[in-house]
Amino acid sequence: MCGRFTFVDIEDIRERFKAEPINLRPNYNVAPSQDVAVIVNNGQLSMFRWGLIPFWAKDPSIGHKLINARAETVDEKPSFKHSLQRKRCLVIADGFYEWKKEGSTKQPYRITLKNKELFGFAGLWDTWNSPTGDIINSCSIITTTPNDLMASIHDRMPVILSQDSERVWLDQTIVDSCFLKSLLVPYPANLMMAYEVSTLVNSPKNNEPECLLPVEPKLF
């Protein structure tokens, strides 16, 4: 799964995604239910709540369970198959956290691209209208099987799209589910890196640059 990520290099959005980062702030420990920066089908930068609320939902609390969508079944699940057709997005990030089981404890890691550049998670979004008239745009991050780097840390990883695949993913004229699912593959392990970070990231209340810092490996 992907339950926490980072979004620090705000100014790079202009060059990387051709979008204006208006009113954005660095987030060193992005957590579900927070607003995240996304690029939607028309290329516009928007802020959506992380945790997809399907348009048909009776209660917005369903979003807490829908922070991720599995690539293998994304075209089958009622919560996601509608969005796969017409409401695809990129969730902007520059790294993500995952926890590796080590005995009775879990060690957090931060995973980034080797070139440290921004990237886009494959995402889905939807719009929910509350009975009182509130409108909530929300999103989910798609996950897939791990590459060789991630396999030693966790059994899932978020789908990071190549720049060529990003353009295809956002193209609303493409609706073939099999073709779209063919894009949802593990990012090449040789283009990524991972390092241990402090357990500060365990709590979403901790949102500071120290979350990004590597920790010295334990010696036995």
Protein backbone atom coordinates (compact mmCIF):
# COMPACT_ATOMS: atom_id res chain seq x y z
CA MET A 1 0.00 0.00 0.00
CA CYS A 2 0.95 3.66 0.00
CA GLY A 3 -0.08 5.40 3.19
CA ARG A 4 2.34 8.31 3.48
CA PHE A 5 4.43 10.36 1.07
CA THR A 6 6.36 13.63 0.68
CA PHE A 7 5.92 16.70 -1.46
CA VAL A 8 8.70 19.18 -0.86
CA ASP A 9 10.06 20.59 -4.14
CA ILE A 10 7.15 22.94 -4.78
CA GLU A 11 8.85 25.28 -7.24
CA ASP A 12 9.82 22.41 -9.54
CA ILE A 13 6.15 21.97 -10.46
CA ARG A 14 6.43 24.82 -12.96
CA GLU A 15 9.01 23.03 -15.09
CA ARG A 16 8.01 19.42 -14.44
CA PHE A 17 4.23 19.68 -14.79
CA LYS A 18 3.80 23.09 -16.44
CA ALA A 19 1.57 24.22 -13.58
CA GLU A 20 1.61 27.12 -11.13
CA PRO A 21 2.15 26.04 -7.50
CA ILE A 22 -0.16 28.68 -6.04
CA ASN A 23 -0.58 28.54 -2.26
CA LEU A 24 1.24 25.22 -1.97
CA ARG A 25 3.50 24.44 0.97
CA PRO A 26 6.04 21.66 1.45
CA ASN A 27 4.62 18.60 3.18
CA TYR A 28 7.18 16.26 4.71
CA ASN A 29 4.67 13.65 5.88
CA VAL A 30 1.52 13.64 3.75
CA ALA A 31 -1.21 11.53 5.35
CA PRO A 32 -4.67 10.29 4.30
CA SER A 33 -7.55 12.79 4.58
CA GLN A 34 -5.17 15.69 3.87
CA ASP A 35 -5.40 17.76 0.69
CA VAL A 36 -2.86 16.71 -1.94
CA ALA A 37 -1.71 18.30 -5.19
CA VAL A 38 -2.99 16.55 -8.30
CA ILE A 39 -2.93 17.08 -12.04
CA VAL A 40 -6.33 16.20 -13.50
CA ASN A 41 -7.30 15.20 -17.02
CA ASN A 42 -7.31 18.75 -18.40
CA GLY A 43 -3.79 19.40 -17.10
CA GLN A 44 -4.97 21.67 -14.30
CA LEU A 45 -3.31 21.62 -10.86
CA SER A 46 -5.89 21.08 -8.13
CA MET A 47 -6.06 20.15 -4.46
CA PHE A 48 -8.05 16.99 -3.66
CA ARG A 49 -8.66 15.15 -0.42
CA TRP A 50 -6.66 11.92 -0.20
CA GLY A 51 -9.15 9.09 0.24
CA LEU A 52 -11.60 8.67 -2.63
CA ILE A 53 -15.29 9.24 -1.94
CA PRO A 54 -17.30 7.75 -4.85
CA PHE A 55 -20.05 9.95 -6.25
CA TRP A 56 -22.65 7.40 -5.10
CA ALA A 57 -21.44 7.18 -1.48
CA LYS A 58 -23.92 7.90 1.28
CA ASP A 59 -21.21 8.74 3.82
CA PRO A 60 -17.84 10.47 3.19
CA SER A 61 -16.16 8.25 5.79
CA ILE A 62 -15.76 5.61 3.07
CA GLY A 63 -12.80 7.67 1.89
CA HIS A 64 -10.72 6.46 4.85
CA LYS A 65 -10.81 2.97 3.34
CA LEU A 66 -10.11 4.07 -0.23
CA ILE A 67 -6.72 5.79 -0.06
CA ASN A 68 -5.35 3.10 -2.41
CA ALA A 69 -6.69 1.12 -5.37
CA ARG A 70 -5.13 -2.17 -6.46
CA ALA A 71 -4.01 -2.11 -10.10
CA GLU A 72 -5.08 -5.72 -10.59
CA THR A 73 -8.75 -5.07 -9.78
CA VAL A 74 -9.18 -1.34 -10.40
CA ASP A 75 -11.55 -1.98 -13.32
CA GLU A 76 -13.72 -4.35 -11.28
CA LYS A 77 -14.33 -2.53 -8.00
CA PRO A 78 -17.47 -0.34 -7.91
CA SER A 79 -15.51 2.35 -6.06
CA PHE A 80 -12.99 2.78 -8.87
CA LYS A 81 -14.17 1.48 -12.24
CA HIS A 82 -16.16 4.65 -13.05
CA SER A 83 -13.15 6.87 -12.28
CA LEU A 84 -10.82 4.65 -14.33
CA GLN A 85 -12.82 5.55 -17.43
CA ARG A 86 -13.03 9.32 -17.09
CA LYS A 87 -11.43 10.64 -13.91
CA ARG A 88 -7.74 9.78 -13.86
CA CYS A 89 -5.13 12.03 -12.27
CA LEU A 90 -1.51 12.32 -11.21
CA VAL A 91 -0.81 12.72 -7.50
CA ILE A 92 2.38 14.77 -7.26
CA ALA A 93 5.16 13.61 -4.96
CA ASP A 94 8.93 13.46 -4.61
CA GLY A 95 9.10 10.44 -2.32
CA PHE A 96 7.04 8.05 -0.25
CA TYR A 97 7.39 6.18 3.02
CA GLU A 98 7.05 2.48 3.66
CA TRP A 99 7.61 0.38 6.77
CA LYS A 100 9.72 -2.80 6.79
CA LYS A 101 9.05 -5.42 9.42
CA GLU A 102 12.18 -6.16 11.45
CA GLY A 103 11.30 -8.66 14.15
CA SER A 104 8.68 -7.09 16.38
CA THR A 105 9.30 -3.57 15.07
CA LYS A 106 8.81 -1.70 11.83
CA GLN A 107 11.55 0.46 10.34
CA PRO A 108 10.38 3.35 8.13
CA TYR A 109 12.08 3.97 4.80
CA ARG A 110 11.83 6.87 2.39
CA ILE A 111 11.84 5.92 -1.28
CA THR A 112 12.64 8.42 -4.04
CA LEU A 113 13.84 8.53 -7.62
CA LYS A 114 17.63 8.51 -7.89
CA ASN A 115 17.52 11.85 -9.70
CA LYS A 116 15.45 13.31 -6.81
CA GLU A 117 12.90 14.74 -9.26
CA LEU A 118 9.17 15.12 -8.78
CA PHE A 119 6.98 12.35 -10.16
CA GLY A 120 3.32 11.45 -10.51
CA PHE A 121 1.55 8.55 -8.85
CA ALA A 122 -1.22 7.08 -10.99
CA GLY A 123 -4.39 8.27 -9.32
CA LEU A 124 -8.16 8.24 -9.63
CA TRP A 125 -10.56 10.94 -8.47
CA ASP A 126 -14.25 11.62 -8.04
CA THR A 127 -16.61 14.37 -6.91
CA TRP A 128 -19.04 13.83 -4.03
CA ASN A 129 -21.98 16.08 -3.27
CA SER A 130 -23.17 16.01 0.33
CA PRO A 131 -26.85 16.23 1.30
CA THR A 132 -26.13 19.75 2.61
CA GLY A 133 -24.61 20.91 -0.68
CA ASP A 134 -20.91 20.56 0.12
CA ILE A 135 -18.73 19.42 -2.78
CA ILE A 136 -15.66 17.26 -2.09
CA ASN A 137 -13.12 16.29 -4.74
CA SER A 138 -11.09 13.32 -3.56
CA CYS A 139 -8.54 10.87 -4.92
CA SER A 140 -6.90 7.48 -4.50
CA ILE A 141 -3.37 6.28 -5.34
CA ILE A 142 -3.05 3.07 -7.35
CA THR A 143 -0.67 0.38 -6.09
CA THR A 144 0.95 -2.59 -7.78
CA THR A 145 3.38 -5.43 -7.10
CA PRO A 146 6.85 -4.38 -5.86
CA ASN A 147 9.96 -4.04 -7.98
CA ASP A 148 13.26 -5.58 -6.81
CA LEU A 149 14.05 -2.59 -4.59
CA MET A 150 10.67 -2.50 -2.88
CA ALA A 151 10.31 -6.28 -2.52
CA SER A 152 12.75 -6.27 0.40
CA ILE A 153 10.66 -3.61 2.17
CA HIS A 154 7.00 -4.30 1.37
CA ASP A 155 4.78 -6.45 -0.85
CA ARG A 156 3.13 -3.47 -2.59
CA MET A 157 4.27 -0.16 -4.05
CA PRO A 158 2.53 2.87 -5.55
CA VAL A 159 2.39 3.12 -9.33
CA ILE A 160 4.83 5.81 -10.49
CA LEU A 161 4.21 6.68 -14.12
CA SER A 162 6.91 7.54 -16.63
CA GLN A 163 6.49 10.93 -18.27
CA ASP A 164 5.30 9.30 -21.49
CA SER A 165 2.76 7.24 -19.55
CA GLU A 166 1.57 10.36 -17.71
CA ARG A 167 0.37 11.91 -20.94
CA VAL A 168 -1.48 8.74 -21.88
CA TRP A 169 -3.00 8.36 -18.40
CA LEU A 170 -4.47 11.86 -18.55
CA ASP A 171 -5.85 11.45 -22.07
CA GLN A 172 -9.63 11.32 -21.66
CA THR A 173 -10.14 9.85 -25.14
CA ILE A 174 -8.59 6.59 -23.92
CA VAL A 175 -11.15 4.41 -22.16
CA ASP A 176 -9.94 0.88 -22.84
CA SER A 177 -9.51 -0.66 -19.38
CA CYS A 178 -7.04 -3.35 -20.47
CA PHE A 179 -4.79 -0.77 -22.09
CA LEU A 180 -4.98 1.55 -19.10
CA LYS A 181 -4.13 -1.29 -16.74
CA SER A 182 -1.07 -2.09 -18.86
CA LEU A 183 0.40 1.22 -17.66
CA LEU A 184 0.08 0.25 -14.01
CA VAL A 185 3.40 -1.55 -13.61
CA PRO A 186 6.27 -1.29 -11.10
CA TYR A 187 8.67 1.58 -11.76
CA PRO A 188 12.20 0.40 -12.71
CA ALA A 189 14.11 -0.43 -9.54
CA ASN A 190 17.41 0.82 -10.98
CA LEU A 191 15.96 4.34 -11.16
CA MET A 192 14.95 4.41 -7.49
CA MET A 193 16.63 4.50 -4.09
CA ALA A 194 15.57 3.86 -0.50
CA TYR A 195 17.00 4.81 2.88
CA GLU A 196 16.03 4.45 6.53
CA VAL A 197 14.43 7.44 8.24
CA SER A 198 13.43 8.30 11.79
CA THR A 199 10.30 6.93 13.42
CA LEU A 200 9.19 10.56 13.53
CA VAL A 201 7.24 9.74 10.37
CA ASN A 202 5.14 7.22 12.27
CA SER A 203 2.91 10.06 13.42
CA PRO A 204 1.32 12.37 10.83
CA LYS A 205 1.53 15.11 13.47
CA ASN A 206 5.25 15.27 12.70
CA ASN A 207 5.59 17.31 9.51
CA GLU A 208 9.05 18.80 9.41
CA PRO A 209 12.30 18.53 7.40
CA GLU A 210 13.74 16.11 9.96
CA CYS A 211 11.35 13.47 8.60
CA LEU A 212 13.46 13.29 5.42
CA LEU A 213 16.82 12.78 7.11
CA PRO A 214 18.54 9.39 6.84
CA VAL A 215 19.36 7.59 10.07
CA GLU A 216 22.52 5.67 10.75
CA PRO A 217 22.02 1.94 10.20
CA LYS A 218 22.02 -0.23 13.33
CA LEU A 219 25.22 -2.11 14.06
CA PHE A 220 25.10 -5.57 15.62
